[in-house]
Amino acid sequence: DCVLGLATGRTMERVYDALVEIGHAEALDFS
């Protein structure tokens, strides 16, 4: 139930790609 502060920009696109990959591989619960 954590609260995440997010950012935009080209640098963050790879971060979100990596987070999505981890999320799928490790069944992260973002709900």
ModelCIF file with pLDDT and N, C-alpha, C, O atoms, coordinates in Angstrom:
data_MODEL
#
_entry.id   MODEL 
#
_entity.id                         1 
_entity.type                       polymer 
_entity.pdbx_number_of_molecules   1 
#
_entity_poly.entity_id                      1 
_entity_poly.type                           'polypeptide(L)' 
_entity_poly.nstd_linkage                   no 
_entity_poly.nstd_monomer                   no 
_entity_poly.pdbx_seq_one_letter_code       DCVLGLATGRTMERVYDALVEIGHAEALDFS 
_entity_poly.pdbx_seq_one_letter_code_can   DCVLGLATGRTMERVYDALVEIGHAEALDFS 
_entity_poly.pdbx_strand_id                 A 
#
loop_
_entity_poly_seq.entity_id 
_entity_poly_seq.num 
_entity_poly_seq.mon_id 
_entity_poly_seq.hetero 
1 1  ASP n 
1 2  CYS n 
1 3  VAL n 
1 4  LEU n 
1 5  GLY n 
1 6  LEU n 
1 7  ALA n 
1 8  THR n 
1 9  GLY n 
1 10 ARG n 
1 11 THR n 
1 12 MET n 
1 13 GLU n 
1 14 ARG n 
1 15 VAL n 
1 16 TYR n 
1 17 ASP n 
1 18 ALA n 
1 19 LEU n 
1 20 VAL n 
1 21 GLU n 
1 22 ILE n 
1 23 GLY n 
1 24 HIS n 
1 25 ALA n 
1 26 GLU n 
1 27 ALA n 
1 28 LEU n 
1 29 ASP n 
1 30 PHE n 
1 31 SER n 
#
_struct_asym.id          A 
_struct_asym.entity_id   1 
#
loop_
_ma_qa_metric.id 
_ma_qa_metric.mode 
_ma_qa_metric.name 
_ma_qa_metric.software_group_id 
_ma_qa_metric.type 
1 global pLDDT . pLDDT 
2 local  pLDDT . pLDDT 
#
_ma_qa_metric_global.metric_id      1 
_ma_qa_metric_global.metric_value   96.65 
_ma_qa_metric_global.model_id       1 
_ma_qa_metric_global.ordinal_id     1 
#
loop_
_ma_qa_metric_local.label_asym_id 
_ma_qa_metric_local.label_comp_id 
_ma_qa_metric_local.label_seq_id 
_ma_qa_metric_local.metric_id 
_ma_qa_metric_local.metric_value 
_ma_qa_metric_local.model_id 
_ma_qa_metric_local.ordinal_id 
A ASP 1  2 98.00 1 1  
A CYS 2  2 98.00 1 2  
A VAL 3  2 98.00 1 3  
A LEU 4  2 98.00 1 4  
A GLY 5  2 98.00 1 5  
A LEU 6  2 98.00 1 6  
A ALA 7  2 98.00 1 7  
A THR 8  2 96.00 1 8  
A GLY 9  2 89.00 1 9  
A ARG 10 2 88.00 1 10 
A THR 11 2 90.00 1 11 
A MET 12 2 97.00 1 12 
A GLU 13 2 97.00 1 13 
A ARG 14 2 97.00 1 14 
A VAL 15 2 98.00 1 15 
A TYR 16 2 98.00 1 16 
A ASP 17 2 98.00 1 17 
A ALA 18 2 98.00 1 18 
A LEU 19 2 98.00 1 19 
A VAL 20 2 98.00 1 20 
A GLU 21 2 98.00 1 21 
A ILE 22 2 98.00 1 22 
A GLY 23 2 97.00 1 23 
A HIS 24 2 97.00 1 24 
A ALA 25 2 97.00 1 25 
A GLU 26 2 97.00 1 26 
A ALA 27 2 96.00 1 27 
A LEU 28 2 97.00 1 28 
A ASP 29 2 96.00 1 29 
A PHE 30 2 98.00 1 30 
A SER 31 2 97.00 1 31 
#
loop_
_atom_site.group_PDB 
_atom_site.id 
_atom_site.type_symbol 
_atom_site.label_atom_id 
_atom_site.label_alt_id 
_atom_site.label_comp_id 
_atom_site.label_asym_id 
_atom_site.label_entity_id 
_atom_site.label_seq_id 
_atom_site.pdbx_PDB_ins_code 
_atom_site.Cartn_x 
_atom_site.Cartn_y 
_atom_site.Cartn_z 
_atom_site.occupancy 
_atom_site.B_iso_or_equiv 
_atom_site.pdbx_formal_charge 
_atom_site.auth_seq_id 
_atom_site.auth_comp_id 
_atom_site.auth_asym_id 
_atom_site.auth_atom_id 
_atom_site.pdbx_PDB_model_num 
ATOM 1   N N  . ASP A 1 1  ? 0.817  -1.214  0.000   1.00 98.00 ? 1  ASP A N  1 
ATOM 2   C CA . ASP A 1 1  ? 0.000  0.000   0.000   1.00 98.00 ? 1  ASP A CA 1 
ATOM 3   C C  . ASP A 1 1  ? 0.853  1.268   0.000   1.00 98.00 ? 1  ASP A C  1 
ATOM 4   O O  . ASP A 1 1  ? 0.393  2.329   0.420   1.00 98.00 ? 1  ASP A O  1 
ATOM 5   N N  . CYS A 1 2  ? 2.084  1.157   -0.466  1.00 98.00 ? 2  CYS A N  1 
ATOM 6   C CA . CYS A 1 2  ? 2.985  2.317   -0.456  1.00 98.00 ? 2  CYS A CA 1 
ATOM 7   C C  . CYS A 1 2  ? 2.483  3.414   -1.383  1.00 98.00 ? 2  CYS A C  1 
ATOM 8   O O  . CYS A 1 2  ? 1.643  3.186   -2.254  1.00 98.00 ? 2  CYS A O  1 
ATOM 9   N N  . VAL A 1 3  ? 3.024  4.617   -1.170  1.00 98.00 ? 3  VAL A N  1 
ATOM 10  C CA . VAL A 1 3  ? 2.704  5.774   -2.005  1.00 98.00 ? 3  VAL A CA 1 
ATOM 11  C C  . VAL A 1 3  ? 3.957  6.133   -2.796  1.00 98.00 ? 3  VAL A C  1 
ATOM 12  O O  . VAL A 1 3  ? 4.998  6.449   -2.220  1.00 98.00 ? 3  VAL A O  1 
ATOM 13  N N  . LEU A 1 4  ? 3.845  6.081   -4.113  1.00 98.00 ? 4  LEU A N  1 
ATOM 14  C CA . LEU A 1 4  ? 4.977  6.344   -4.995  1.00 98.00 ? 4  LEU A CA 1 
ATOM 15  C C  . LEU A 1 4  ? 4.846  7.726   -5.619  1.00 98.00 ? 4  LEU A C  1 
ATOM 16  O O  . LEU A 1 4  ? 3.766  8.113   -6.066  1.00 98.00 ? 4  LEU A O  1 
ATOM 17  N N  . GLY A 1 5  ? 5.931  8.457   -5.647  1.00 98.00 ? 5  GLY A N  1 
ATOM 18  C CA . GLY A 1 5  ? 6.009  9.720   -6.363  1.00 98.00 ? 5  GLY A CA 1 
ATOM 19  C C  . GLY A 1 5  ? 6.691  9.472   -7.695  1.00 98.00 ? 5  GLY A C  1 
ATOM 20  O O  . GLY A 1 5  ? 7.814  8.969   -7.735  1.00 98.00 ? 5  GLY A O  1 
ATOM 21  N N  . LEU A 1 6  ? 6.027  9.820   -8.781  1.00 98.00 ? 6  LEU A N  1 
ATOM 22  C CA . LEU A 1 6  ? 6.528  9.466   -10.110 1.00 98.00 ? 6  LEU A CA 1 
ATOM 23  C C  . LEU A 1 6  ? 6.920  10.702  -10.907 1.00 98.00 ? 6  LEU A C  1 
ATOM 24  O O  . LEU A 1 6  ? 6.506  11.822  -10.606 1.00 98.00 ? 6  LEU A O  1 
ATOM 25  N N  . ALA A 1 7  ? 7.719  10.467  -11.921 1.00 98.00 ? 7  ALA A N  1 
ATOM 26  C CA . ALA A 1 7  ? 8.235  11.538  -12.771 1.00 98.00 ? 7  ALA A CA 1 
ATOM 27  C C  . ALA A 1 7  ? 8.075  11.127  -14.228 1.00 98.00 ? 7  ALA A C  1 
ATOM 28  O O  . ALA A 1 7  ? 7.791  9.969   -14.535 1.00 98.00 ? 7  ALA A O  1 
ATOM 29  N N  . THR A 1 8  ? 8.262  12.089  -15.114 1.00 96.00 ? 8  THR A N  1 
ATOM 30  C CA . THR A 1 8  ? 8.175  11.833  -16.546 1.00 96.00 ? 8  THR A CA 1 
ATOM 31  C C  . THR A 1 8  ? 9.512  12.173  -17.198 1.00 96.00 ? 8  THR A C  1 
ATOM 32  O O  . THR A 1 8  ? 10.462 12.574  -16.525 1.00 96.00 ? 8  THR A O  1 
ATOM 33  N N  . GLY A 1 9  ? 9.566  12.008  -18.505 1.00 89.00 ? 9  GLY A N  1 
ATOM 34  C CA . GLY A 1 9  ? 10.788 12.324  -19.230 1.00 89.00 ? 9  GLY A CA 1 
ATOM 35  C C  . GLY A 1 9  ? 11.427 11.084  -19.823 1.00 89.00 ? 9  GLY A C  1 
ATOM 36  O O  . GLY A 1 9  ? 11.097 9.957   -19.454 1.00 89.00 ? 9  GLY A O  1 
ATOM 37  N N  . ARG A 1 10 ? 12.347 11.311  -20.750 1.00 88.00 ? 10 ARG A N  1 
ATOM 38  C CA . ARG A 1 10 ? 12.956 10.195  -21.469 1.00 88.00 ? 10 ARG A CA 1 
ATOM 39  C C  . ARG A 1 10 ? 13.729 9.274   -20.538 1.00 88.00 ? 10 ARG A C  1 
ATOM 40  O O  . ARG A 1 10 ? 13.751 8.062   -20.755 1.00 88.00 ? 10 ARG A O  1 
ATOM 41  N N  . THR A 1 11 ? 14.368 9.824   -19.501 1.00 90.00 ? 11 THR A N  1 
ATOM 42  C CA . THR A 1 11 ? 15.126 8.998   -18.564 1.00 90.00 ? 11 THR A CA 1 
ATOM 43  C C  . THR A 1 11 ? 14.222 7.993   -17.874 1.00 90.00 ? 11 THR A C  1 
ATOM 44  O O  . THR A 1 11 ? 14.631 6.860   -17.620 1.00 90.00 ? 11 THR A O  1 
ATOM 45  N N  . MET A 1 12 ? 12.996 8.397   -17.567 1.00 97.00 ? 12 MET A N  1 
ATOM 46  C CA . MET A 1 12 ? 12.088 7.532   -16.813 1.00 97.00 ? 12 MET A CA 1 
ATOM 47  C C  . MET A 1 12 ? 11.478 6.425   -17.668 1.00 97.00 ? 12 MET A C  1 
ATOM 48  O O  . MET A 1 12 ? 10.968 5.444   -17.128 1.00 97.00 ? 12 MET A O  1 
ATOM 49  N N  . GLU A 1 13 ? 11.521 6.564   -18.977 1.00 97.00 ? 13 GLU A N  1 
ATOM 50  C CA . GLU A 1 13 ? 10.882 5.554   -19.816 1.00 97.00 ? 13 GLU A CA 1 
ATOM 51  C C  . GLU A 1 13 ? 11.535 4.188   -19.628 1.00 97.00 ? 13 GLU A C  1 
ATOM 52  O O  . GLU A 1 13 ? 10.839 3.174   -19.558 1.00 97.00 ? 13 GLU A O  1 
ATOM 53  N N  . ARG A 1 14 ? 12.857 4.152   -19.547 1.00 97.00 ? 14 ARG A N  1 
ATOM 54  C CA . ARG A 1 14 ? 13.543 2.873   -19.308 1.00 97.00 ? 14 ARG A CA 1 
ATOM 55  C C  . ARG A 1 14 ? 13.239 2.357   -17.901 1.00 97.00 ? 14 ARG A C  1 
ATOM 56  O O  . ARG A 1 14 ? 13.112 1.150   -17.697 1.00 97.00 ? 14 ARG A O  1 
ATOM 57  N N  . VAL A 1 15 ? 13.122 3.263   -16.933 1.00 98.00 ? 15 VAL A N  1 
ATOM 58  C CA . VAL A 1 15 ? 12.787 2.848   -15.574 1.00 98.00 ? 15 VAL A CA 1 
ATOM 59  C C  . VAL A 1 15 ? 11.437 2.143   -15.573 1.00 98.00 ? 15 VAL A C  1 
ATOM 60  O O  . VAL A 1 15 ? 11.297 1.082   -14.964 1.00 98.00 ? 15 VAL A O  1 
ATOM 61  N N  . TYR A 1 16 ? 10.445 2.716   -16.244 1.00 98.00 ? 16 TYR A N  1 
ATOM 62  C CA . TYR A 1 16 ? 9.122  2.113   -16.256 1.00 98.00 ? 16 TYR A CA 1 
ATOM 63  C C  . TYR A 1 16 ? 9.118  0.811   -17.056 1.00 98.00 ? 16 TYR A C  1 
ATOM 64  O O  . TYR A 1 16 ? 8.415  -0.134  -16.696 1.00 98.00 ? 16 TYR A O  1 
ATOM 65  N N  . ASP A 1 17 ? 9.895  0.755   -18.134 1.00 98.00 ? 17 ASP A N  1 
ATOM 66  C CA . ASP A 1 17 ? 10.020 -0.511  -18.869 1.00 98.00 ? 17 ASP A CA 1 
ATOM 67  C C  . ASP A 1 17 ? 10.564 -1.605  -17.949 1.00 98.00 ? 17 ASP A C  1 
ATOM 68  O O  . ASP A 1 17 ? 10.057 -2.727  -17.936 1.00 98.00 ? 17 ASP A O  1 
ATOM 69  N N  . ALA A 1 18 ? 11.604 -1.263  -17.180 1.00 98.00 ? 18 ALA A N  1 
ATOM 70  C CA . ALA A 1 18 ? 12.215 -2.241  -16.275 1.00 98.00 ? 18 ALA A CA 1 
ATOM 71  C C  . ALA A 1 18 ? 11.247 -2.630  -15.164 1.00 98.00 ? 18 ALA A C  1 
ATOM 72  O O  . ALA A 1 18 ? 11.192 -3.796  -14.774 1.00 98.00 ? 18 ALA A O  1 
ATOM 73  N N  . LEU A 1 19 ? 10.484 -1.668  -14.650 1.00 98.00 ? 19 LEU A N  1 
ATOM 74  C CA . LEU A 1 19 ? 9.526  -1.962  -13.582 1.00 98.00 ? 19 LEU A CA 1 
ATOM 75  C C  . LEU A 1 19 ? 8.411  -2.874  -14.092 1.00 98.00 ? 19 LEU A C  1 
ATOM 76  O O  . LEU A 1 19 ? 7.990  -3.792  -13.388 1.00 98.00 ? 19 LEU A O  1 
ATOM 77  N N  . VAL A 1 20 ? 7.938  -2.629  -15.294 1.00 98.00 ? 20 VAL A N  1 
ATOM 78  C CA . VAL A 1 20 ? 6.915  -3.490  -15.884 1.00 98.00 ? 20 VAL A CA 1 
ATOM 79  C C  . VAL A 1 20 ? 7.456  -4.900  -16.054 1.00 98.00 ? 20 VAL A C  1 
ATOM 80  O O  . VAL A 1 20 ? 6.753  -5.873  -15.779 1.00 98.00 ? 20 VAL A O  1 
ATOM 81  N N  . GLU A 1 21 ? 8.699  -5.020  -16.504 1.00 98.00 ? 21 GLU A N  1 
ATOM 82  C CA . GLU A 1 21 ? 9.313  -6.333  -16.681 1.00 98.00 ? 21 GLU A CA 1 
ATOM 83  C C  . GLU A 1 21 ? 9.407  -7.088  -15.348 1.00 98.00 ? 21 GLU A C  1 
ATOM 84  O O  . GLU A 1 21 ? 9.075  -8.270  -15.271 1.00 98.00 ? 21 GLU A O  1 
ATOM 85  N N  . ILE A 1 22 ? 9.864  -6.389  -14.302 1.00 98.00 ? 22 ILE A N  1 
ATOM 86  C CA . ILE A 1 22 ? 9.922  -7.006  -12.979 1.00 98.00 ? 22 ILE A CA 1 
ATOM 87  C C  . ILE A 1 22 ? 8.518  -7.378  -12.515 1.00 98.00 ? 22 ILE A C  1 
ATOM 88  O O  . ILE A 1 22 ? 8.302  -8.454  -11.958 1.00 98.00 ? 22 ILE A O  1 
ATOM 89  N N  . GLY A 1 23 ? 7.574  -6.483  -12.751 1.00 97.00 ? 23 GLY A N  1 
ATOM 90  C CA . GLY A 1 23 ? 6.208  -6.740  -12.327 1.00 97.00 ? 23 GLY A CA 1 
ATOM 91  C C  . GLY A 1 23 ? 5.638  -8.012  -12.910 1.00 97.00 ? 23 GLY A C  1 
ATOM 92  O O  . GLY A 1 23 ? 4.974  -8.782  -12.216 1.00 97.00 ? 23 GLY A O  1 
ATOM 93  N N  . HIS A 1 24 ? 5.899  -8.232  -14.189 1.00 97.00 ? 24 HIS A N  1 
ATOM 94  C CA . HIS A 1 24 ? 5.407  -9.448  -14.833 1.00 97.00 ? 24 HIS A CA 1 
ATOM 95  C C  . HIS A 1 24 ? 6.156  -10.678 -14.330 1.00 97.00 ? 24 HIS A C  1 
ATOM 96  O O  . HIS A 1 24 ? 5.546  -11.716 -14.077 1.00 97.00 ? 24 HIS A O  1 
ATOM 97  N N  . ALA A 1 25 ? 7.471  -10.565 -14.185 1.00 97.00 ? 25 ALA A N  1 
ATOM 98  C CA . ALA A 1 25 ? 8.289  -11.713 -13.788 1.00 97.00 ? 25 ALA A CA 1 
ATOM 99  C C  . ALA A 1 25 ? 8.031  -12.140 -12.349 1.00 97.00 ? 25 ALA A C  1 
ATOM 100 O O  . ALA A 1 25 ? 8.101  -13.325 -12.024 1.00 97.00 ? 25 ALA A O  1 
ATOM 101 N N  . GLU A 1 26 ? 7.733  -11.170 -11.488 1.00 97.00 ? 26 GLU A N  1 
ATOM 102 C CA . GLU A 1 26 ? 7.618  -11.455 -10.060 1.00 97.00 ? 26 GLU A CA 1 
ATOM 103 C C  . GLU A 1 26 ? 6.205  -11.256 -9.526  1.00 97.00 ? 26 GLU A C  1 
ATOM 104 O O  . GLU A 1 26 ? 5.985  -11.271 -8.315  1.00 97.00 ? 26 GLU A O  1 
ATOM 105 N N  . ALA A 1 27 ? 5.260  -11.073 -10.423 1.00 96.00 ? 27 ALA A N  1 
ATOM 106 C CA . ALA A 1 27 ? 3.849  -10.929 -10.047 1.00 96.00 ? 27 ALA A CA 1 
ATOM 107 C C  . ALA A 1 27 ? 3.647  -9.842  -8.995  1.00 96.00 ? 27 ALA A C  1 
ATOM 108 O O  . ALA A 1 27 ? 2.999  -10.064 -7.972  1.00 96.00 ? 27 ALA A O  1 
ATOM 109 N N  . LEU A 1 28 ? 4.210  -8.664  -9.261  1.00 97.00 ? 28 LEU A N  1 
ATOM 110 C CA . LEU A 1 28 ? 4.034  -7.548  -8.335  1.00 97.00 ? 28 LEU A CA 1 
ATOM 111 C C  . LEU A 1 28 ? 2.576  -7.124  -8.294  1.00 97.00 ? 28 LEU A C  1 
ATOM 112 O O  . LEU A 1 28 ? 1.890  -7.102  -9.316  1.00 97.00 ? 28 LEU A O  1 
ATOM 113 N N  . ASP A 1 29 ? 2.119  -6.790  -7.102  1.00 96.00 ? 29 ASP A N  1 
ATOM 114 C CA . ASP A 1 29 ? 0.737  -6.342  -6.910  1.00 96.00 ? 29 ASP A CA 1 
ATOM 115 C C  . ASP A 1 29 ? 0.714  -4.824  -6.770  1.00 96.00 ? 29 ASP A C  1 
ATOM 116 O O  . ASP A 1 29 ? 1.135  -4.281  -5.748  1.00 96.00 ? 29 ASP A O  1 
ATOM 117 N N  . PHE A 1 30 ? 0.224  -4.145  -7.798  1.00 98.00 ? 30 PHE A N  1 
ATOM 118 C CA . PHE A 1 30 ? 0.128  -2.690  -7.790  1.00 98.00 ? 30 PHE A CA 1 
ATOM 119 C C  . PHE A 1 30 ? -1.252 -2.208  -7.334  1.00 98.00 ? 30 PHE A C  1 
ATOM 120 O O  . PHE A 1 30 ? -1.497 -1.002  -7.290  1.00 98.00 ? 30 PHE A O  1 
ATOM 121 N N  . SER A 1 31 ? -2.140 -3.117  -6.999  1.00 97.00 ? 31 SER A N  1 
ATOM 122 C CA . SER A 1 31 ? -3.541 -2.750  -6.820  1.00 97.00 ? 31 SER A CA 1 
ATOM 123 C C  . SER A 1 31 ? -3.790 -1.854  -5.617  1.00 97.00 ? 31 SER A C  1 
ATOM 124 O O  . SER A 1 31 ? -4.932 -1.473  -5.356  1.00 97.00 ? 31 SER A O  1 
#
